[in-house]
Protein backbone atom coordinates (compact mmCIF):
# COMPACT_ATOMS: atom_id res chain seq x y z
CA MET A 1 -31.81 25.84 -14.25
CA ASP A 2 -34.04 23.48 -12.16
CA ASN A 3 -33.45 22.40 -8.72
CA LYS A 4 -32.05 18.90 -9.58
CA PRO A 5 -29.24 18.02 -7.48
CA ALA A 6 -25.86 18.55 -9.21
CA LEU A 7 -24.24 15.28 -10.59
CA LYS A 8 -21.36 14.46 -8.15
CA VAL A 9 -18.15 13.65 -10.11
CA GLY A 10 -14.93 12.13 -8.24
CA ILE A 11 -11.59 13.11 -9.64
CA THR A 12 -8.53 11.24 -8.33
CA GLY A 13 -5.04 10.23 -9.38
CA GLY A 14 -1.86 9.17 -7.55
CA ILE A 15 0.89 11.74 -6.30
CA GLY A 16 2.38 13.71 -9.16
CA SER A 17 -0.47 12.59 -11.84
CA GLY A 18 -1.30 16.34 -12.13
CA LYS A 19 -5.12 15.93 -10.98
CA SER A 20 -4.69 19.58 -9.59
CA THR A 21 -3.82 20.90 -13.10
CA VAL A 22 -6.95 18.93 -14.45
CA CYS A 23 -9.02 20.56 -11.94
CA ARG A 24 -7.98 24.06 -12.71
CA ILE A 25 -9.03 23.26 -16.36
CA PHE A 26 -12.36 22.15 -15.24
CA GLY A 27 -12.60 25.35 -12.86
CA LEU A 28 -12.08 27.55 -15.93
CA LEU A 29 -15.09 25.78 -17.59
CA GLY A 30 -17.08 27.01 -14.55
CA ILE A 31 -17.26 23.69 -12.63
CA PRO A 32 -16.99 23.82 -8.78
CA VAL A 33 -14.15 21.96 -7.46
CA TYR A 34 -14.08 20.64 -3.87
CA SER A 35 -10.69 19.81 -2.65
CA ALA A 36 -11.20 16.92 -0.11
CA ASP A 37 -7.63 16.98 1.14
CA ASP A 38 -7.82 20.76 1.74
CA ARG A 39 -11.14 20.45 3.44
CA ALA A 40 -9.99 17.45 5.63
CA LYS A 41 -7.24 19.97 6.86
CA TRP A 42 -9.43 22.64 7.57
CA LEU A 43 -12.11 20.49 9.35
CA MET A 44 -9.44 19.04 11.66
CA GLU A 45 -8.85 22.57 12.67
CA HIS A 46 -12.36 24.02 12.91
CA ASP A 47 -14.93 21.00 13.27
CA SER A 48 -15.39 20.93 17.15
CA ASP A 49 -16.88 17.38 17.03
CA LEU A 50 -14.10 16.25 14.83
CA LYS A 51 -11.54 17.84 17.04
CA LEU A 52 -12.97 16.11 20.12
CA LYS A 53 -12.85 12.80 18.53
CA ILE A 54 -9.25 13.03 17.31
CA ALA A 55 -8.17 14.32 20.88
CA GLU A 56 -9.81 11.38 22.57
CA GLU A 57 -8.21 8.96 19.87
CA PHE A 58 -4.96 10.32 19.94
CA GLY A 59 -4.53 12.32 23.15
CA GLN A 60 -4.92 16.00 24.16
CA GLU A 61 -1.28 16.60 22.66
CA ALA A 62 -2.98 16.12 19.07
CA TYR A 63 -3.87 20.04 19.58
CA THR A 64 -1.91 22.96 20.78
CA GLN A 65 -3.36 25.18 23.76
CA GLU A 66 -4.55 27.62 21.12
CA GLY A 67 -6.55 24.84 19.74
CA THR A 68 -4.54 24.41 16.30
CA LEU A 69 -3.74 20.78 15.13
CA ASN A 70 -0.35 19.48 16.26
CA ARG A 71 0.38 18.06 12.66
CA LYS A 72 4.02 16.90 13.69
CA TYR A 73 2.76 14.98 16.80
CA LEU A 74 0.00 13.56 14.70
CA ALA A 75 2.05 12.52 11.80
CA ASP A 76 4.60 10.81 14.23
CA GLN A 77 1.61 8.92 15.74
CA VAL A 78 0.41 7.79 12.62
CA PHE A 79 3.82 7.41 10.61
CA SER A 80 4.17 3.77 9.56
CA ASP A 81 1.28 2.46 11.69
CA PRO A 82 -1.21 1.27 9.33
CA GLU A 83 -3.93 0.77 12.35
CA LYS A 84 -3.56 4.49 13.49
CA VAL A 85 -3.85 5.53 9.84
CA LYS A 86 -7.23 3.66 9.68
CA LYS A 87 -8.28 5.16 12.72
CA ILE A 88 -7.57 8.92 11.51
CA ASN A 89 -9.25 8.01 8.41
CA ALA A 90 -12.26 6.70 10.07
CA LEU A 91 -12.69 10.14 11.82
CA VAL A 92 -11.85 12.54 9.21
CA HIS A 93 -13.44 10.85 5.92
CA PRO A 94 -17.00 10.78 7.37
CA ALA A 95 -16.66 14.51 8.30
CA VAL A 96 -15.54 15.39 4.98
CA GLY A 97 -18.37 13.30 3.25
CA LEU A 98 -20.96 15.33 5.23
CA ASP A 99 -18.96 18.64 4.40
CA PHE A 100 -19.00 17.79 0.62
CA GLU A 101 -22.82 16.98 0.76
CA LYS A 102 -23.57 20.29 2.23
CA TRP A 103 -21.19 22.18 0.00
CA THR A 104 -22.70 20.36 -3.11
CA LYS A 105 -26.41 21.66 -2.26
CA GLU A 106 -24.96 25.29 -2.27
CA GLN A 107 -23.50 25.15 -5.75
CA MET A 108 -25.31 26.21 -8.93
CA ALA A 109 -23.74 24.09 -11.69
CA PRO A 110 -24.53 21.11 -13.74
CA TYR A 111 -22.08 18.94 -11.86
CA VAL A 112 -19.42 19.42 -9.18
CA LEU A 113 -16.08 17.87 -8.77
CA LYS A 114 -14.67 16.17 -5.71
CA GLU A 115 -10.93 16.01 -5.80
CA ALA A 116 -9.36 13.40 -3.61
CA ALA A 117 -5.99 11.50 -3.62
CA LEU A 118 -7.63 8.40 -2.06
CA LEU A 119 -11.07 8.18 -3.54
CA PHE A 120 -11.18 4.47 -3.88
CA GLU A 121 -8.96 3.46 -1.06
CA THR A 122 -11.42 5.36 1.39
CA GLY A 123 -14.65 4.07 -0.09
CA SER A 124 -15.89 7.54 -0.81
CA ALA A 125 -15.99 6.73 -4.40
CA SER A 126 -19.46 4.81 -3.82
CA GLN A 127 -21.22 7.95 -3.03
CA LEU A 128 -20.24 9.68 -6.32
CA ASP A 129 -22.10 9.44 -9.70
CA LYS A 130 -19.10 9.17 -12.07
CA LEU A 131 -15.51 8.97 -11.33
CA ILE A 132 -12.44 10.27 -13.23
CA ASN A 133 -8.97 9.10 -12.80
CA VAL A 134 -5.80 11.26 -14.03
CA SER A 135 -3.27 8.70 -15.04
CA SER A 136 0.42 9.24 -15.61
CA PRO A 137 3.53 7.34 -16.12
CA LEU A 138 5.31 6.49 -13.03
CA LYS A 139 8.77 7.98 -13.87
CA VAL A 140 7.03 11.34 -14.87
CA ARG A 141 5.11 11.31 -11.58
CA VAL A 142 8.25 10.75 -9.46
CA ALA A 143 10.10 13.55 -11.39
CA ARG A 144 7.21 15.89 -10.98
CA VAL A 145 6.99 15.46 -7.22
CA LEU A 146 10.75 15.63 -6.82
CA MET A 147 10.59 19.03 -8.65
CA ARG A 148 7.47 20.29 -6.74
CA ASP A 149 8.37 19.13 -3.39
CA PRO A 150 12.32 19.53 -2.93
CA HIS A 151 12.18 18.29 0.88
CA ARG A 152 10.76 14.74 -0.44
CA SER A 153 13.24 12.12 -1.24
CA GLU A 154 12.63 9.63 -4.12
CA ALA A 155 12.35 6.77 -1.37
CA GLN A 156 9.65 8.77 0.29
CA ILE A 157 7.67 9.26 -2.88
CA ASN A 158 7.84 5.75 -3.78
CA SER A 159 6.60 4.80 -0.29
CA ILE A 160 3.40 7.08 -0.89
CA ILE A 161 2.84 5.59 -4.34
CA ASP A 162 3.00 2.06 -2.70
CA GLN A 163 0.26 3.13 -0.37
CA GLN A 164 -2.23 4.28 -3.24
CA LEU A 165 -4.19 1.82 -5.46
CA PRO A 166 -2.03 1.14 -8.72
CA ASP A 167 -3.01 3.42 -11.66
CA GLU A 168 -4.03 0.38 -13.68
CA LYS A 169 -6.70 -0.72 -11.00
CA LYS A 170 -7.86 2.82 -10.77
CA ASN A 171 -8.36 3.17 -14.54
CA GLU A 172 -10.42 -0.02 -14.32
CA LEU A 173 -12.68 1.48 -11.65
CA ALA A 174 -13.07 4.90 -13.26
CA ASP A 175 -15.84 5.91 -15.86
CA PHE A 176 -13.30 8.31 -17.49
CA VAL A 177 -9.42 8.36 -17.72
CA ILE A 178 -7.38 11.38 -18.42
CA LYS A 179 -3.89 10.48 -19.60
CA ASN A 180 -1.33 13.20 -18.45
CA ALA A 181 1.83 12.18 -20.13
CA GLU A 182 4.24 14.23 -22.25
CA ASN A 183 2.87 13.43 -25.67
CA LYS A 184 -0.87 13.86 -24.69
CA LEU A 185 -2.78 17.31 -24.50
CA LEU A 186 -4.84 17.91 -21.56
CA ILE A 187 -7.54 20.37 -22.69
CA PRO A 188 -9.08 18.47 -25.48
CA GLN A 189 -9.62 15.23 -22.83
CA VAL A 190 -11.05 17.51 -20.44
CA LEU A 191 -13.33 19.04 -22.79
CA GLU A 192 -14.51 15.75 -24.19
CA ILE A 193 -15.38 14.61 -20.69
CA HIS A 194 -17.00 17.95 -19.86
CA GLN A 195 -19.47 17.55 -22.69
CA LYS A 196 -20.40 14.16 -21.68
CA LEU A 197 -21.00 14.99 -18.15
CA LEU A 198 -23.01 17.92 -19.25
CA HIS A 199 -25.19 15.51 -21.12
CA LEU A 200 -25.77 13.38 -18.04
CA SER A 201 -26.54 16.14 -15.70
């Protein structure tokens, strides 16, 4: 394989759309998957520059004496405050962007996937070569999340959905759409996109 940089493909989908399942299928095909949401949590605990900025913006209480993130305090700070949500995103997303670039350079694959719930909403979609949206009917998504996260109420799930870009809009912005409905098989859809991305890379 030559040293051409890997094609950077974003994969997103609203809560309950099943994007993690789709990513597992790509993973079985040998495609490296970067979970932006998991890495964001990791960086908030381990990136000293980011930790300093979060503490400056939200107070020293954002971290425990042991240096671990005080998730409850931070969640209480940003909950239902759009300005504070913007502030935390403005700190975390650039750090994730740099981490993703570094990670991509270490991969030996024709293309890599960046999985993120808020790919379009944060503007990080503009740094990617191609975009996939995992689309699923609203009722199905709510039912999936209620089963997966028994601690969440239907009202909480709908509140999260309301904060995300509507599926129709994401489908318009994406290069590829995977329909994850009860009557659609996922694997053939993933294989078709995989072949197309291999031709592009």
